[in-house]
Amino acid sequence: MEFKTSNIQRLSNPTAYAFSVAGFVALMLLVIGAVYYATYAVDYQWRWFKVPKYFAYHETIKVYADGNGEVSKIAEKGKMVDLVIKYDDYGEKTYKVPHYSYSNTLMEGDFITSGEALAEYPGGWKAGLISTGLWITLKISVISTILGIILGIIGGVARVSNTPVLKWSAITYVEIIRGSPLLVQIMIAYFVLGTTINSILMMNGFNKLDPEWYGIAALSVFTGAYVVEIVRAGIESIHPGQVEAARSAGMTYFQSMRHIILPQALKTILPPLAGQFINLIKDSSLLGMISIRELSKATREGITTSLQTFELWFLCAVLYLLMTFTLSMFVQYLERRTSTK
């Protein structure tokens, strides 16, 4: 008897597998070649050697005169020098700088003008523009993820509740947030709620909240609305008899959810949760609209000053890919751990 070979069995053949791998490599080379040709066609000059400074750079400290005046005193103290400047408007000011940093032509009694360079010397290492943006993106994403999970679990439990005030409040929250664009919610959170809250804080003697917190609030509320539906679907996938059994054993509604239903629903809700939080990392790029220097905004600022369009956008894409891929691998690890229990 002759058996037919399936497509999967054919691909399991070592020769077919090798051809498949070669096809993938050829496809990737074709994409890379197309990108390179596109940059060649527009006569673009690659400058990858300038990219490292966007991660970290050696700071150069420059000291400038704060106004018009004259050099009152130059006193050497070991490896440092005290430059004493007597300004016309507000008296003397002392600058402590390394002895090699100020110009040898600068002498006591010299007149100086506002903005004139007094000294220049190397400082320490500082985080570059891309590193700063990456850190802010990670910080905002982690905090928003935690708050989104909390809102989503609370809303999901309320969504399947039989109590009208809980169920209808959760439905209203989900429909309003999911029915409006995230960018609009960010603008409302910052320009409407932010302006109001900051005004109240300043009237009572408190400092204003940083724009990052309004961005985190907007992302958390937006993500939480989607997590509510994910949690609801996970809860409803568990047989309702388990809730009844837990209630008959003396547990309250929330105790049965915490100890019986949610641990089982976790296996169901992990994959869609991963997709939602990956979207959250990418959605954080919208926070640049309210002057938060996250990764995308930092990239745009770098391009504005250096005109390294291709290098910085490719770098930005790779960094977003690393963040989302790491999160995806972590969720897959959690899935394997939960499936073995």
C-alpha atoms as a PDB file:
ATOM      1  CA  MET A   1       0.000   0.000   0.000  1.00  0.00           C
ATOM      2  CA  GLU A   2       1.348   3.446  -0.944  1.00  0.00           C
ATOM      3  CA  PHE A   3       1.017   6.265   1.577  1.00  0.00           C
ATOM      4  CA  LYS A   4       0.856   9.950   0.666  1.00  0.00           C
ATOM      5  CA  THR A   5       3.448  12.265   2.217  1.00  0.00           C
ATOM      6  CA  SER A   6       2.158  15.446   3.858  1.00  0.00           C
ATOM      7  CA  ASN A   7       3.755  18.854   3.402  1.00  0.00           C
ATOM      8  CA  ILE A   8       4.989  18.798   7.017  1.00  0.00           C
ATOM      9  CA  GLN A   9       6.671  15.427   6.411  1.00  0.00           C
ATOM     10  CA  ARG A  10       8.334  16.756   3.280  1.00  0.00           C
ATOM     11  CA  LEU A  11       9.734  19.710   5.226  1.00  0.00           C
ATOM     12  CA  SER A  12      11.103  17.330   7.839  1.00  0.00           C
ATOM     13  CA  ASN A  13      13.439  16.010   5.161  1.00  0.00           C
ATOM     14  CA  PRO A  14      16.954  17.407   5.830  1.00  0.00           C
ATOM     15  CA  THR A  15      17.394  18.517   2.210  1.00  0.00           C
ATOM     16  CA  ALA A  16      14.047  20.330   2.165  1.00  0.00           C
ATOM     17  CA  TYR A  17      14.856  21.956   5.516  1.00  0.00           C
ATOM     18  CA  ALA A  18      18.215  23.179   4.211  1.00  0.00           C
ATOM     19  CA  PHE A  19      16.543  24.705   1.130  1.00  0.00           C
ATOM     20  CA  SER A  20      13.984  26.373   3.394  1.00  0.00           C
ATOM     21  CA  VAL A  21      16.727  27.941   5.531  1.00  0.00           C
ATOM     22  CA  ALA A  22      18.555  29.073   2.400  1.00  0.00           C
ATOM     23  CA  GLY A  23      15.330  30.669   1.151  1.00  0.00           C
ATOM     24  CA  PHE A  24      14.933  32.597   4.417  1.00  0.00           C
ATOM     25  CA  VAL A  25      18.541  33.830   4.277  1.00  0.00           C
ATOM     26  CA  ALA A  26      18.078  34.873   0.645  1.00  0.00           C
ATOM     27  CA  LEU A  27      14.905  36.782   1.559  1.00  0.00           C
ATOM     28  CA  MET A  28      16.681  38.651   4.378  1.00  0.00           C
ATOM     29  CA  LEU A  29      19.597  39.523   2.099  1.00  0.00           C
ATOM     30  CA  LEU A  30      17.128  40.774  -0.491  1.00  0.00           C
ATOM     31  CA  VAL A  31      15.481  43.087   2.063  1.00  0.00           C
ATOM     32  CA  ILE A  32      18.860  44.397   3.288  1.00  0.00           C
ATOM     33  CA  GLY A  33      20.006  44.904  -0.284  1.00  0.00           C
ATOM     34  CA  ALA A  34      16.825  46.806  -1.131  1.00  0.00           C
ATOM     35  CA  VAL A  35      17.351  49.150   1.842  1.00  0.00           C
ATOM     36  CA  TYR A  36      20.978  49.704   0.888  1.00  0.00           C
ATOM     37  CA  TYR A  37      20.024  50.416  -2.730  1.00  0.00           C
ATOM     38  CA  ALA A  38      17.382  52.900  -1.551  1.00  0.00           C
ATOM     39  CA  THR A  39      19.984  54.812   0.483  1.00  0.00           C
ATOM     40  CA  TYR A  40      22.443  54.667  -2.425  1.00  0.00           C
ATOM     41  CA  ALA A  41      19.783  56.007  -4.810  1.00  0.00           C
ATOM     42  CA  VAL A  42      19.229  59.085  -2.617  1.00  0.00           C
ATOM     43  CA  ASP A  43      23.001  59.581  -2.251  1.00  0.00           C
ATOM     44  CA  TYR A  44      23.017  59.048   1.527  1.00  0.00           C
ATOM     45  CA  GLN A  45      26.280  58.933   3.450  1.00  0.00           C
ATOM     46  CA  TRP A  46      26.268  56.434   6.314  1.00  0.00           C
ATOM     47  CA  ARG A  47      27.843  57.684   9.558  1.00  0.00           C
ATOM     48  CA  TRP A  48      27.551  54.805  11.993  1.00  0.00           C
ATOM     49  CA  PHE A  49      30.728  55.926  13.763  1.00  0.00           C
ATOM     50  CA  LYS A  50      28.755  58.834  15.271  1.00  0.00           C
ATOM     51  CA  VAL A  51      26.086  56.590  16.806  1.00  0.00           C
ATOM     52  CA  PRO A  52      27.962  55.569  20.042  1.00  0.00           C
ATOM     53  CA  LYS A  53      27.833  59.116  21.404  1.00  0.00           C
ATOM     54  CA  TYR A  54      24.033  58.819  21.586  1.00  0.00           C
ATOM     55  CA  PHE A  55      24.476  56.063  24.181  1.00  0.00           C
ATOM     56  CA  ALA A  56      27.249  57.677  26.249  1.00  0.00           C
ATOM     57  CA  TYR A  57      29.685  60.537  25.800  1.00  0.00           C
ATOM     58  CA  HIS A  58      32.437  62.376  27.641  1.00  0.00           C
ATOM     59  CA  GLU A  59      31.002  65.673  28.827  1.00  0.00           C
ATOM     60  CA  THR A  60      32.864  68.913  28.158  1.00  0.00           C
ATOM     61  CA  ILE A  61      32.163  71.508  30.850  1.00  0.00           C
ATOM     62  CA  LYS A  62      32.263  75.124  29.714  1.00  0.00           C
ATOM     63  CA  VAL A  63      32.148  78.074  32.105  1.00  0.00           C
ATOM     64  CA  TYR A  64      30.787  81.375  30.797  1.00  0.00           C
ATOM     65  CA  ALA A  65      30.601  84.835  32.325  1.00  0.00           C
ATOM     66  CA  ASP A  66      27.191  85.708  33.762  1.00  0.00           C
ATOM     67  CA  GLY A  67      27.469  89.399  32.911  1.00  0.00           C
ATOM     68  CA  ASN A  68      29.805  92.319  32.260  1.00  0.00           C
ATOM     69  CA  GLY A  69      32.645  92.881  34.717  1.00  0.00           C
ATOM     70  CA  GLU A  70      36.353  92.334  35.343  1.00  0.00           C
ATOM     71  CA  VAL A  71      38.669  89.630  36.657  1.00  0.00           C
ATOM     72  CA  SER A  72      39.169  90.561  40.303  1.00  0.00           C
ATOM     73  CA  LYS A  73      41.482  87.720  41.343  1.00  0.00           C
ATOM     74  CA  ILE A  74      43.092  84.519  40.042  1.00  0.00           C
ATOM     75  CA  ALA A  75      44.244  82.307  42.951  1.00  0.00           C
ATOM     76  CA  GLU A  76      45.831  78.911  42.396  1.00  0.00           C
ATOM     77  CA  LYS A  77      45.018  76.287  45.053  1.00  0.00           C
ATOM     78  CA  GLY A  78      46.762  73.048  44.180  1.00  0.00           C
ATOM     79  CA  LYS A  79      45.295  71.648  41.011  1.00  0.00           C
ATOM     80  CA  MET A  80      42.393  74.099  41.119  1.00  0.00           C
ATOM     81  CA  VAL A  81      42.132  77.804  40.458  1.00  0.00           C
ATOM     82  CA  ASP A  82      39.698  80.333  41.906  1.00  0.00           C
ATOM     83  CA  LEU A  83      38.558  82.777  39.234  1.00  0.00           C
ATOM     84  CA  VAL A  84      36.974  85.705  41.035  1.00  0.00           C
ATOM     85  CA  ILE A  85      34.879  87.889  38.735  1.00  0.00           C
ATOM     86  CA  LYS A  86      33.517  91.229  39.908  1.00  0.00           C
ATOM     87  CA  TYR A  87      30.335  91.888  37.999  1.00  0.00           C
ATOM     88  CA  ASP A  88      28.944  95.339  37.423  1.00  0.00           C
ATOM     89  CA  ASP A  89      25.423  94.352  38.504  1.00  0.00           C
ATOM     90  CA  TYR A  90      25.705  92.009  41.503  1.00  0.00           C
ATOM     91  CA  GLY A  91      29.196  91.950  42.903  1.00  0.00           C
ATOM     92  CA  GLU A  92      31.809  89.183  43.001  1.00  0.00           C
ATOM     93  CA  LYS A  93      31.410  85.527  42.031  1.00  0.00           C
ATOM     94  CA  THR A  94      34.032  82.781  42.373  1.00  0.00           C
ATOM     95  CA  TYR A  95      34.469  79.959  39.838  1.00  0.00           C
ATOM     96  CA  LYS A  96      36.520  76.906  40.894  1.00  0.00           C
ATOM     97  CA  VAL A  97      38.085  75.334  37.796  1.00  0.00           C
ATOM     98  CA  PRO A  98      41.137  73.139  37.027  1.00  0.00           C
ATOM     99  CA  HIS A  99      44.305  75.150  36.553  1.00  0.00           C
ATOM    100  CA  TYR A 100      44.698  73.985  32.931  1.00  0.00           C
ATOM    101  CA  SER A 101      41.169  74.881  31.915  1.00  0.00           C
ATOM    102  CA  TYR A 102      41.275  78.681  31.715  1.00  0.00           C
ATOM    103  CA  SER A 103      43.057  80.697  29.082  1.00  0.00           C
ATOM    104  CA  ASN A 104      46.602  81.831  29.855  1.00  0.00           C
ATOM    105  CA  THR A 105      45.710  85.201  28.387  1.00  0.00           C
ATOM    106  CA  LEU A 106      43.168  85.781  31.160  1.00  0.00           C
ATOM    107  CA  MET A 107      44.744  88.045  33.779  1.00  0.00           C
ATOM    108  CA  GLU A 108      43.676  90.031  36.808  1.00  0.00           C
ATOM    109  CA  GLY A 109      42.093  93.331  35.847  1.00  0.00           C
ATOM    110  CA  ASP A 110      40.900  92.087  32.425  1.00  0.00           C
ATOM    111  CA  PHE A 111      37.454  93.223  31.388  1.00  0.00           C
ATOM    112  CA  ILE A 112      34.966  90.517  30.361  1.00  0.00           C
ATOM    113  CA  THR A 113      31.598  90.607  28.671  1.00  0.00           C
ATOM    114  CA  SER A 114      28.453  88.587  29.299  1.00  0.00           C
ATOM    115  CA  GLY A 115      28.667  85.101  27.775  1.00  0.00           C
ATOM    116  CA  GLU A 116      32.466  85.163  27.377  1.00  0.00           C
ATOM    117  CA  ALA A 117      34.168  81.783  27.839  1.00  0.00           C
ATOM    118  CA  LEU A 118      36.135  81.654  31.103  1.00  0.00           C
ATOM    119  CA  ALA A 119      37.185  77.992  31.213  1.00  0.00           C
ATOM    120  CA  GLU A 120      36.669  74.670  29.475  1.00  0.00           C
ATOM    121  CA  TYR A 121      37.567  71.211  30.802  1.00  0.00           C
ATOM    122  CA  PRO A 122      36.486  67.582  30.368  1.00  0.00           C
ATOM    123  CA  GLY A 123      33.887  66.196  32.751  1.00  0.00           C
ATOM    124  CA  GLY A 124      32.747  62.627  33.396  1.00  0.00           C
ATOM    125  CA  TRP A 125      30.755  60.197  31.298  1.00  0.00           C
ATOM    126  CA  LYS A 126      27.115  61.061  30.724  1.00  0.00           C
ATOM    127  CA  ALA A 127      24.186  59.127  29.287  1.00  0.00           C
ATOM    128  CA  GLY A 128      23.505  60.039  25.680  1.00  0.00           C
ATOM    129  CA  LEU A 129      20.231  61.118  24.109  1.00  0.00           C
ATOM    130  CA  ILE A 130      19.174  57.611  23.032  1.00  0.00           C
ATOM    131  CA  SER A 131      20.117  56.080  26.409  1.00  0.00           C
ATOM    132  CA  THR A 132      18.017  58.694  28.203  1.00  0.00           C
ATOM    133  CA  GLY A 133      15.050  58.094  25.908  1.00  0.00           C
ATOM    134  CA  LEU A 134      15.375  54.321  26.274  1.00  0.00           C
ATOM    135  CA  TRP A 135      15.429  54.557  30.066  1.00  0.00           C
ATOM    136  CA  ILE A 136      12.331  56.792  30.130  1.00  0.00           C
ATOM    137  CA  THR A 137      10.488  54.413  27.773  1.00  0.00           C
ATOM    138  CA  LEU A 138      11.370  51.411  29.968  1.00  0.00           C
ATOM    139  CA  LYS A 139      10.390  53.214  33.170  1.00  0.00           C
ATOM    140  CA  ILE A 140       7.063  54.422  31.798  1.00  0.00           C
ATOM    141  CA  SER A 141       6.279  51.020  30.248  1.00  0.00           C
ATOM    142  CA  VAL A 142       7.001  49.057  33.438  1.00  0.00           C
ATOM    143  CA  ILE A 143       4.963  51.373  35.690  1.00  0.00           C
ATOM    144  CA  SER A 144       2.091  51.533  33.183  1.00  0.00           C
ATOM    145  CA  THR A 145       2.122  47.741  32.830  1.00  0.00           C
ATOM    146  CA  ILE A 146       1.844  47.210  36.592  1.00  0.00           C
ATOM    147  CA  LEU A 147      -0.947  49.779  36.959  1.00  0.00           C
ATOM    148  CA  GLY A 148      -2.711  48.431  33.850  1.00  0.00           C
ATOM    149  CA  ILE A 149      -2.690  44.898  35.291  1.00  0.00           C
ATOM    150  CA  ILE A 150      -4.143  46.140  38.585  1.00  0.00           C
ATOM    151  CA  LEU A 151      -6.888  48.122  36.819  1.00  0.00           C
ATOM    152  CA  GLY A 152      -7.569  45.232  34.447  1.00  0.00           C
ATOM    153  CA  ILE A 153      -7.924  42.602  37.178  1.00  0.00           C
ATOM    154  CA  ILE A 154     -10.191  44.831  39.278  1.00  0.00           C
ATOM    155  CA  GLY A 155     -12.254  45.773  36.226  1.00  0.00           C
ATOM    156  CA  GLY A 156     -12.371  42.180  34.934  1.00  0.00           C
ATOM    157  CA  VAL A 157     -13.701  40.856  38.241  1.00  0.00           C
ATOM    158  CA  ALA A 158     -16.233  43.695  38.349  1.00  0.00           C
ATOM    159  CA  ARG A 159     -17.188  42.991  34.716  1.00  0.00           C
ATOM    160  CA  VAL A 160     -18.403  39.459  35.487  1.00  0.00           C
ATOM    161  CA  SER A 161     -20.045  40.473  38.765  1.00  0.00           C
ATOM    162  CA  ASN A 162     -23.829  40.388  39.186  1.00  0.00           C
ATOM    163  CA  THR A 163     -23.767  43.663  41.132  1.00  0.00           C
ATOM    164  CA  PRO A 164     -25.050  46.413  38.776  1.00  0.00           C
ATOM    165  CA  VAL A 165     -22.869  49.222  40.142  1.00  0.00           C
ATOM    166  CA  LEU A 166     -19.702  47.139  39.574  1.00  0.00           C
ATOM    167  CA  LYS A 167     -20.656  45.562  36.267  1.00  0.00           C
ATOM    168  CA  TRP A 168     -22.078  48.698  34.645  1.00  0.00           C
ATOM    169  CA  SER A 169     -19.163  50.856  35.848  1.00  0.00           C
ATOM    170  CA  ALA A 170     -16.694  48.394  34.315  1.00  0.00           C
ATOM    171  CA  ILE A 171     -18.633  48.284  31.030  1.00  0.00           C
ATOM    172  CA  THR A 172     -18.784  52.098  30.867  1.00  0.00           C
ATOM    173  CA  TYR A 173     -15.048  52.382  31.539  1.00  0.00           C
ATOM    174  CA  VAL A 174     -14.177  49.834  28.855  1.00  0.00           C
ATOM    175  CA  GLU A 175     -16.441  51.284  26.185  1.00  0.00           C
ATOM    176  CA  ILE A 176     -15.354  54.901  26.719  1.00  0.00           C
ATOM    177  CA  ILE A 177     -11.616  54.145  26.770  1.00  0.00           C
ATOM    178  CA  ARG A 178     -11.610  51.605  23.936  1.00  0.00           C
ATOM    179  CA  GLY A 179     -13.872  53.830  21.846  1.00  0.00           C
ATOM    180  CA  SER A 180     -11.542  56.854  21.783  1.00  0.00           C
ATOM    181  CA  PRO A 181      -7.992  57.227  20.386  1.00  0.00           C
ATOM    182  CA  LEU A 182      -5.071  56.977  22.794  1.00  0.00           C
ATOM    183  CA  LEU A 183      -3.585  60.243  21.497  1.00  0.00           C
ATOM    184  CA  VAL A 184      -6.790  62.104  22.445  1.00  0.00           C
ATOM    185  CA  GLN A 185      -6.696  60.547  25.922  1.00  0.00           C
ATOM    186  CA  ILE A 186      -3.062  61.604  26.383  1.00  0.00           C
ATOM    187  CA  MET A 187      -3.920  65.180  25.389  1.00  0.00           C
ATOM    188  CA  ILE A 188      -6.898  65.276  27.784  1.00  0.00           C
ATOM    189  CA  ALA A 189      -4.816  63.770  30.605  1.00  0.00           C
ATOM    190  CA  TYR A 190      -2.053  66.348  30.170  1.00  0.00           C
ATOM    191  CA  PHE A 191      -3.721  69.566  29.013  1.00  0.00           C
ATOM    192  CA  VAL A 192      -7.081  69.251  30.829  1.00  0.00           C
ATOM    193  CA  LEU A 193      -6.572  67.111  33.925  1.00  0.00           C
ATOM    194  CA  GLY A 194      -2.889  68.030  34.221  1.00  0.00           C
ATOM    195  CA  THR A 195      -3.543  71.766  34.101  1.00  0.00           C
ATOM    196  CA  THR A 196      -6.324  71.481  36.675  1.00  0.00           C
ATOM    197  CA  ILE A 197      -4.412  69.221  39.066  1.00  0.00           C
ATOM    198  CA  ASN A 198      -1.203  71.269  38.852  1.00  0.00           C
ATOM    199  CA  SER A 199      -3.120  74.487  39.510  1.00  0.00           C
ATOM    200  CA  ILE A 200      -4.706  72.966  42.622  1.00  0.00           C
ATOM    201  CA  LEU A 201      -1.326  71.661  43.823  1.00  0.00           C
ATOM    202  CA  MET A 202       0.380  75.035  43.355  1.00  0.00           C
ATOM    203  CA  MET A 203      -2.473  76.859  45.116  1.00  0.00           C
ATOM    204  CA  ASN A 204      -1.877  74.636  48.144  1.00  0.00           C
ATOM    205  CA  GLY A 205       1.908  75.065  48.137  1.00  0.00           C
ATOM    206  CA  PHE A 206       2.883  71.802  46.421  1.00  0.00           C
ATOM    207  CA  ASN A 207       5.105  71.301  43.374  1.00  0.00           C
ATOM    208  CA  LYS A 208       3.644  70.495  39.974  1.00  0.00           C
ATOM    209  CA  LEU A 209       3.566  66.885  38.824  1.00  0.00           C
ATOM    210  CA  ASP A 210       5.967  65.959  36.044  1.00  0.00           C
ATOM    211  CA  PRO A 211       4.361  65.335  32.603  1.00  0.00           C
ATOM    212  CA  GLU A 212       5.605  61.722  32.816  1.00  0.00           C
ATOM    213  CA  TRP A 213       2.996  60.937  35.455  1.00  0.00           C
ATOM    214  CA  TYR A 214       0.144  62.132  33.253  1.00  0.00           C
ATOM    215  CA  GLY A 215       1.548  60.055  30.418  1.00  0.00           C
ATOM    216  CA  ILE A 216       1.742  57.016  32.717  1.00  0.00           C
ATOM    217  CA  ALA A 217      -1.839  57.620  33.856  1.00  0.00           C
ATOM    218  CA  ALA A 218      -3.115  57.790  30.271  1.00  0.00           C
ATOM    219  CA  LEU A 219      -1.261  54.618  29.222  1.00  0.00           C
ATOM    220  CA  SER A 220      -2.362  52.741  32.355  1.00  0.00           C
ATOM    221  CA  VAL A 221      -6.030  53.614  31.923  1.00  0.00           C
ATOM    222  CA  PHE A 222      -5.929  52.784  28.211  1.00  0.00           C
ATOM    223  CA  THR A 223      -4.172  49.445  28.746  1.00  0.00           C
ATOM    224  CA  GLY A 224      -6.361  48.583  31.719  1.00  0.00           C
ATOM    225  CA  ALA A 225      -9.501  48.809  29.560  1.00  0.00           C
ATOM    226  CA  TYR A 226      -8.170  46.109  27.228  1.00  0.00           C
ATOM    227  CA  VAL A 227      -6.925  43.986  30.117  1.00  0.00           C
ATOM    228  CA  VAL A 228     -10.449  44.076  31.584  1.00  0.00           C
ATOM    229  CA  GLU A 229     -11.803  42.243  28.548  1.00  0.00           C
ATOM    230  CA  ILE A 230      -8.867  39.811  28.542  1.00  0.00           C
ATOM    231  CA  VAL A 231      -9.458  38.987  32.218  1.00  0.00           C
ATOM    232  CA  ARG A 232     -13.210  38.696  31.628  1.00  0.00           C
ATOM    233  CA  ALA A 233     -12.668  36.183  28.825  1.00  0.00           C
ATOM    234  CA  GLY A 234     -10.251  34.212  31.010  1.00  0.00           C
ATOM    235  CA  ILE A 235     -12.705  34.099  33.913  1.00  0.00           C
ATOM    236  CA  GLU A 236     -15.603  33.032  31.708  1.00  0.00           C
ATOM    237  CA  SER A 237     -13.487  30.193  30.278  1.00  0.00           C
ATOM    238  CA  ILE A 238     -13.577  28.543  33.728  1.00  0.00           C
ATOM    239  CA  HIS A 239     -16.633  26.409  34.422  1.00  0.00           C
ATOM    240  CA  PRO A 240     -19.120  28.385  36.579  1.00  0.00           C
ATOM    241  CA  GLY A 241     -19.576  25.354  38.779  1.00  0.00           C
ATOM    242  CA  GLN A 242     -16.204  26.084  40.351  1.00  0.00           C
ATOM    243  CA  VAL A 243     -17.434  29.444  41.588  1.00  0.00           C
ATOM    244  CA  GLU A 244     -20.534  27.823  43.014  1.00  0.00           C
ATOM    245  CA  ALA A 245     -18.407  25.162  44.726  1.00  0.00           C
ATOM    246  CA  ALA A 246     -16.152  27.826  46.232  1.00  0.00           C
ATOM    247  CA  ARG A 247     -19.139  29.832  47.450  1.00  0.00           C
ATOM    248  CA  SER A 248     -20.717  26.748  48.967  1.00  0.00           C
ATOM    249  CA  ALA A 249     -17.429  26.122  50.809  1.00  0.00           C
ATOM    250  CA  GLY A 250     -17.840  29.472  52.550  1.00  0.00           C
ATOM    251  CA  MET A 251     -15.702  31.700  50.330  1.00  0.00           C
ATOM    252  CA  THR A 252     -16.833  35.183  49.381  1.00  0.00           C
ATOM    253  CA  TYR A 253     -17.104  36.184  45.721  1.00  0.00           C
ATOM    254  CA  PHE A 254     -13.715  37.940  45.740  1.00  0.00           C
ATOM    255  CA  GLN A 255     -12.047  35.111  47.692  1.00  0.00           C
ATOM    256  CA  SER A 256     -13.226  32.574  45.118  1.00  0.00           C
ATOM    257  CA  MET A 257     -11.888  34.777  42.336  1.00  0.00           C
ATOM    258  CA  ARG A 258      -8.520  35.197  44.044  1.00  0.00           C
ATOM    259  CA  HIS A 259      -7.898  31.603  45.105  1.00  0.00           C
ATOM    260  CA  ILE A 260      -9.819  29.506  42.581  1.00  0.00           C
ATOM    261  CA  ILE A 261     -10.689  31.277  39.320  1.00  0.00           C
ATOM    262  CA  LEU A 262      -7.886  33.748  38.567  1.00  0.00           C
ATOM    263  CA  PRO A 263      -4.998  31.248  39.057  1.00  0.00           C
ATOM    264  CA  GLN A 264      -6.652  28.932  36.500  1.00  0.00           C
ATOM    265  CA  ALA A 265      -7.531  31.773  34.135  1.00  0.00           C
ATOM    266  CA  LEU A 266      -3.893  32.914  34.123  1.00  0.00           C
ATOM    267  CA  LYS A 267      -2.976  30.244  31.564  1.00  0.00           C
ATOM    268  CA  THR A 268      -5.644  31.573  29.201  1.00  0.00           C
ATOM    269  CA  ILE A 269      -4.960  35.274  29.598  1.00  0.00           C
ATOM    270  CA  LEU A 270      -1.122  35.267  29.414  1.00  0.00           C
ATOM    271  CA  PRO A 271      -0.785  35.205  25.564  1.00  0.00           C
ATOM    272  CA  PRO A 272      -3.200  38.118  24.909  1.00  0.00           C
ATOM    273  CA  LEU A 273      -1.694  40.006  27.855  1.00  0.00           C
ATOM    274  CA  ALA A 274       1.734  39.746  26.236  1.00  0.00           C
ATOM    275  CA  GLY A 275       0.384  41.210  23.005  1.00  0.00           C
ATOM    276  CA  GLN A 276      -1.262  44.058  24.902  1.00  0.00           C
ATOM    277  CA  PHE A 277       1.882  44.990  26.799  1.00  0.00           C
ATOM    278  CA  ILE A 278       3.982  44.825  23.646  1.00  0.00           C
ATOM    279  CA  ASN A 279       1.539  47.337  22.171  1.00  0.00           C
ATOM    280  CA  LEU A 280       1.919  49.463  25.309  1.00  0.00           C
ATOM    281  CA  ILE A 281       5.689  49.748  24.757  1.00  0.00           C
ATOM    282  CA  LYS A 282       5.103  50.916  21.192  1.00  0.00           C
ATOM    283  CA  ASP A 283       2.213  53.210  22.202  1.00  0.00           C
ATOM    284  CA  SER A 284       4.533  55.012  24.623  1.00  0.00           C
ATOM    285  CA  SER A 285       6.021  56.729  21.557  1.00  0.00           C
ATOM    286  CA  LEU A 286       2.926  58.967  21.528  1.00  0.00           C
ATOM    287  CA  LEU A 287       4.049  60.594  24.782  1.00  0.00           C
ATOM    288  CA  GLY A 288       6.496  62.706  22.794  1.00  0.00           C
ATOM    289  CA  MET A 289       3.468  64.860  21.925  1.00  0.00           C
ATOM    290  CA  ILE A 290       3.431  66.167  25.516  1.00  0.00           C
ATOM    291  CA  SER A 291       7.193  66.838  25.620  1.00  0.00           C
ATOM    292  CA  ILE A 292       8.224  63.571  27.290  1.00  0.00           C
ATOM    293  CA  ARG A 293      11.630  62.591  25.914  1.00  0.00           C
ATOM    294  CA  GLU A 294      10.933  58.900  25.373  1.00  0.00           C
ATOM    295  CA  LEU A 295      12.828  56.874  22.780  1.00  0.00           C
ATOM    296  CA  SER A 296      11.022  58.131  19.665  1.00  0.00           C
ATOM    297  CA  LYS A 297      11.219  61.789  20.685  1.00  0.00           C
ATOM    298  CA  ALA A 298      14.904  61.403  21.600  1.00  0.00           C
ATOM    299  CA  THR A 299      15.485  59.893  18.152  1.00  0.00           C
ATOM    300  CA  ARG A 300      13.758  62.813  16.444  1.00  0.00           C
ATOM    301  CA  GLU A 301      15.842  65.296  18.436  1.00  0.00           C
ATOM    302  CA  GLY A 302      19.016  63.453  17.474  1.00  0.00           C
ATOM    303  CA  ILE A 303      18.039  63.517  13.795  1.00  0.00           C
ATOM    304  CA  THR A 304      17.285  67.245  13.977  1.00  0.00           C
ATOM    305  CA  THR A 305      20.782  68.043  15.258  1.00  0.00           C
ATOM    306  CA  SER A 306      22.823  65.503  13.280  1.00  0.00           C
ATOM    307  CA  LEU A 307      20.743  64.704  10.152  1.00  0.00           C
ATOM    308  CA  GLN A 308      21.572  60.993  10.663  1.00  0.00           C
ATOM    309  CA  THR A 309      18.097  59.920   9.583  1.00  0.00           C
ATOM    310  CA  PHE A 310      18.705  56.308   8.561  1.00  0.00           C
ATOM    311  CA  GLU A 311      21.114  55.370  11.348  1.00  0.00           C
ATOM    312  CA  LEU A 312      19.013  56.725  14.202  1.00  0.00           C
ATOM    313  CA  TRP A 313      15.663  55.431  12.954  1.00  0.00           C
ATOM    314  CA  PHE A 314      17.159  51.969  12.384  1.00  0.00           C
ATOM    315  CA  LEU A 315      18.664  52.125  15.868  1.00  0.00           C
ATOM    316  CA  CYS A 316      15.310  53.182  17.325  1.00  0.00           C
ATOM    317  CA  ALA A 317      13.555  50.270  15.597  1.00  0.00           C
ATOM    318  CA  VAL A 318      16.141  47.760  16.867  1.00  0.00           C
ATOM    319  CA  LEU A 319      15.802  49.018  20.456  1.00  0.00           C
ATOM    320  CA  TYR A 320      11.997  48.732  20.334  1.00  0.00           C
ATOM    321  CA  LEU A 321      12.410  45.234  18.882  1.00  0.00           C
ATOM    322  CA  LEU A 322      14.753  44.233  21.712  1.00  0.00           C
ATOM    323  CA  MET A 323      12.278  45.450  24.338  1.00  0.00           C
ATOM    324  CA  THR A 324       9.259  43.720  22.807  1.00  0.00           C
ATOM    325  CA  PHE A 325      11.180  40.514  22.028  1.00  0.00           C
ATOM    326  CA  THR A 326      12.476  40.326  25.610  1.00  0.00           C
ATOM    327  CA  LEU A 327       8.940  40.753  26.953  1.00  0.00           C
ATOM    328  CA  SER A 328       7.654  38.093  24.566  1.00  0.00           C
ATOM    329  CA  MET A 329      10.325  35.615  25.705  1.00  0.00           C
ATOM    330  CA  PHE A 330       9.532  36.345  29.354  1.00  0.00           C
ATOM    331  CA  VAL A 331       5.824  35.672  28.824  1.00  0.00           C
ATOM    332  CA  GLN A 332       6.624  32.423  27.017  1.00  0.00           C
ATOM    333  CA  TYR A 333       8.711  31.419  30.034  1.00  0.00           C
ATOM    334  CA  LEU A 334       5.758  32.180  32.329  1.00  0.00           C
ATOM    335  CA  GLU A 335       3.474  30.128  30.078  1.00  0.00           C
ATOM    336  CA  ARG A 336       5.803  27.115  30.357  1.00  0.00           C
ATOM    337  CA  ARG A 337       6.013  27.519  34.119  1.00  0.00           C
ATOM    338  CA  THR A 338       2.251  27.731  34.556  1.00  0.00           C
ATOM    339  CA  SER A 339       1.594  24.811  32.195  1.00  0.00           C
ATOM    340  CA  THR A 340       3.779  22.499  34.305  1.00  0.00           C
ATOM    341  CA  LYS A 341       1.902  23.261  37.512  1.00  0.00           C
END
